[in-house]
Amino acid sequence: MPSGLQQLEVLRNRARLLHPETSHYMLFSKSGFDEHVAARAAQDGTVTLVDFADMD
């Protein structure tokens, strides 16, 4: 199942506890990302998506 917005939001919420003003988010996935999280990452420069093919 592709990773989605829920994983990104969990990551954002946890990051706010540590460094709320200086966060960059990286999501790694073996099964890719759904269209919602891909669209969010395309609009948000603080989000990087890395799928299995990129890890080669």
N, C-alpha and C. Protein backbone atom coordinates (compact mmCIF):
# COMPACT_ATOMS: atom_id res chain seq x y z
N MET A 1 0.84 -1.18 0.00
CA MET A 1 0.00 0.00 0.00
C MET A 1 0.89 1.25 0.00
N PRO A 2 0.66 2.18 -0.89
CA PRO A 2 1.47 3.40 -0.93
C PRO A 2 1.30 4.25 0.33
N SER A 3 2.37 4.94 0.68
CA SER A 3 2.32 5.84 1.83
C SER A 3 1.45 7.04 1.50
N GLY A 4 0.77 7.58 2.50
CA GLY A 4 -0.16 8.68 2.26
C GLY A 4 0.02 9.84 3.22
N LEU A 5 -0.95 10.72 3.21
CA LEU A 5 -0.91 11.93 4.02
C LEU A 5 -0.84 11.64 5.51
N GLN A 6 -1.40 10.54 5.95
CA GLN A 6 -1.38 10.22 7.38
C GLN A 6 0.05 10.11 7.88
N GLN A 7 0.92 9.46 7.13
CA GLN A 7 2.31 9.32 7.55
C GLN A 7 3.01 10.68 7.60
N LEU A 8 2.71 11.54 6.64
CA LEU A 8 3.30 12.88 6.64
C LEU A 8 2.82 13.69 7.84
N GLU A 9 1.55 13.61 8.15
CA GLU A 9 1.02 14.37 9.29
C GLU A 9 1.57 13.87 10.62
N VAL A 10 1.75 12.57 10.76
CA VAL A 10 2.36 12.02 11.98
C VAL A 10 3.78 12.56 12.12
N LEU A 11 4.53 12.57 11.02
CA LEU A 11 5.89 13.09 11.04
C LEU A 11 5.91 14.57 11.41
N ARG A 12 5.03 15.35 10.83
CA ARG A 12 4.96 16.79 11.14
C ARG A 12 4.63 17.02 12.62
N ASN A 13 3.68 16.28 13.15
CA ASN A 13 3.29 16.45 14.55
C ASN A 13 4.44 16.11 15.50
N ARG A 14 5.18 15.09 15.18
CA ARG A 14 6.31 14.71 16.03
C ARG A 14 7.44 15.73 15.92
N ALA A 15 7.65 16.26 14.73
CA ALA A 15 8.72 17.24 14.53
C ALA A 15 8.42 18.53 15.29
N ARG A 16 7.16 18.90 15.38
CA ARG A 16 6.78 20.12 16.12
C ARG A 16 7.22 20.07 17.58
N LEU A 17 7.33 18.89 18.12
CA LEU A 17 7.76 18.74 19.51
C LEU A 17 9.24 19.06 19.68
N LEU A 18 10.02 18.91 18.62
CA LEU A 18 11.46 19.09 18.72
C LEU A 18 11.95 20.42 18.16
N HIS A 19 11.66 20.67 16.89
CA HIS A 19 12.17 21.86 16.21
C HIS A 19 11.08 22.44 15.31
N PRO A 20 10.11 23.09 15.88
CA PRO A 20 8.96 23.54 15.09
C PRO A 20 9.28 24.56 14.01
N GLU A 21 10.33 25.33 14.17
CA GLU A 21 10.60 26.38 13.20
C GLU A 21 11.58 25.97 12.10
N THR A 22 12.27 24.86 12.26
CA THR A 22 13.29 24.47 11.28
C THR A 22 13.15 23.00 10.90
N SER A 23 12.07 22.64 10.28
CA SER A 23 11.85 21.23 9.95
C SER A 23 11.83 21.01 8.45
N HIS A 24 12.43 19.90 8.04
CA HIS A 24 12.32 19.39 6.68
C HIS A 24 11.93 17.93 6.84
N TYR A 25 10.99 17.48 6.03
CA TYR A 25 10.42 16.15 6.21
C TYR A 25 10.81 15.26 5.04
N MET A 26 11.28 14.05 5.36
CA MET A 26 11.61 13.05 4.35
C MET A 26 10.82 11.79 4.65
N LEU A 27 10.07 11.34 3.67
CA LEU A 27 9.32 10.09 3.78
C LEU A 27 9.95 9.08 2.85
N PHE A 28 10.20 7.88 3.35
CA PHE A 28 10.77 6.79 2.57
C PHE A 28 9.71 5.70 2.43
N SER A 29 9.62 5.11 1.24
CA SER A 29 8.61 4.08 1.02
C SER A 29 9.07 3.07 -0.02
N LYS A 30 8.85 1.79 0.28
CA LYS A 30 9.13 0.74 -0.69
C LYS A 30 8.00 0.62 -1.71
N SER A 31 6.80 1.03 -1.32
CA SER A 31 5.63 0.84 -2.20
C SER A 31 5.16 2.13 -2.86
N GLY A 32 5.93 3.19 -2.78
CA GLY A 32 5.55 4.44 -3.43
C GLY A 32 4.66 5.31 -2.55
N PHE A 33 4.09 6.34 -3.17
CA PHE A 33 3.28 7.31 -2.45
C PHE A 33 1.97 7.53 -3.19
N ASP A 34 0.90 7.76 -2.44
CA ASP A 34 -0.38 8.02 -3.11
C ASP A 34 -0.38 9.44 -3.68
N GLU A 35 -1.38 9.71 -4.51
CA GLU A 35 -1.42 11.00 -5.23
C GLU A 35 -1.58 12.19 -4.29
N HIS A 36 -2.17 12.00 -3.13
CA HIS A 36 -2.39 13.10 -2.20
C HIS A 36 -1.07 13.58 -1.58
N VAL A 37 -0.26 12.65 -1.13
CA VAL A 37 1.01 13.04 -0.53
C VAL A 37 1.99 13.53 -1.60
N ALA A 38 1.92 12.97 -2.79
CA ALA A 38 2.77 13.44 -3.89
C ALA A 38 2.42 14.88 -4.26
N ALA A 39 1.14 15.20 -4.29
CA ALA A 39 0.71 16.57 -4.60
C ALA A 39 1.15 17.53 -3.50
N ARG A 40 1.04 17.11 -2.25
CA ARG A 40 1.47 17.96 -1.13
C ARG A 40 2.97 18.21 -1.21
N ALA A 41 3.74 17.18 -1.50
CA ALA A 41 5.20 17.34 -1.59
C ALA A 41 5.58 18.25 -2.76
N ALA A 42 4.84 18.19 -3.84
CA ALA A 42 5.12 19.05 -4.99
C ALA A 42 4.89 20.52 -4.66
N GLN A 43 3.96 20.80 -3.76
CA GLN A 43 3.64 22.17 -3.38
C GLN A 43 4.47 22.67 -2.20
N ASP A 44 5.02 21.77 -1.42
CA ASP A 44 5.69 22.12 -0.17
C ASP A 44 7.18 21.78 -0.27
N GLY A 45 8.02 22.79 -0.31
CA GLY A 45 9.45 22.59 -0.43
C GLY A 45 10.12 21.96 0.78
N THR A 46 9.38 21.78 1.87
CA THR A 46 9.97 21.16 3.06
C THR A 46 9.71 19.65 3.11
N VAL A 47 9.11 19.10 2.07
CA VAL A 47 8.79 17.67 2.03
C VAL A 47 9.54 17.01 0.88
N THR A 48 10.29 15.95 1.18
CA THR A 48 10.98 15.16 0.18
C THR A 48 10.47 13.73 0.26
N LEU A 49 10.11 13.17 -0.88
CA LEU A 49 9.65 11.78 -0.95
C LEU A 49 10.73 10.95 -1.61
N VAL A 50 11.05 9.81 -1.00
CA VAL A 50 12.07 8.91 -1.53
C VAL A 50 11.44 7.53 -1.63
N ASP A 51 11.29 7.04 -2.87
CA ASP A 51 10.74 5.69 -3.01
C ASP A 51 11.86 4.69 -3.25
N PHE A 52 11.52 3.43 -3.29
CA PHE A 52 12.50 2.36 -3.38
C PHE A 52 13.40 2.51 -4.60
N ALA A 53 12.85 2.92 -5.73
CA ALA A 53 13.64 3.09 -6.95
C ALA A 53 14.70 4.18 -6.78
N ASP A 54 14.41 5.19 -5.98
CA ASP A 54 15.39 6.27 -5.73
C ASP A 54 16.53 5.83 -4.85
N MET A 55 16.34 4.75 -4.11
CA MET A 55 17.37 4.26 -3.18
C MET A 55 18.43 3.40 -3.86
N ASP A 56 18.25 3.16 -5.11
CA ASP A 56 19.17 2.30 -5.87
C ASP A 56 20.52 2.89 -6.04
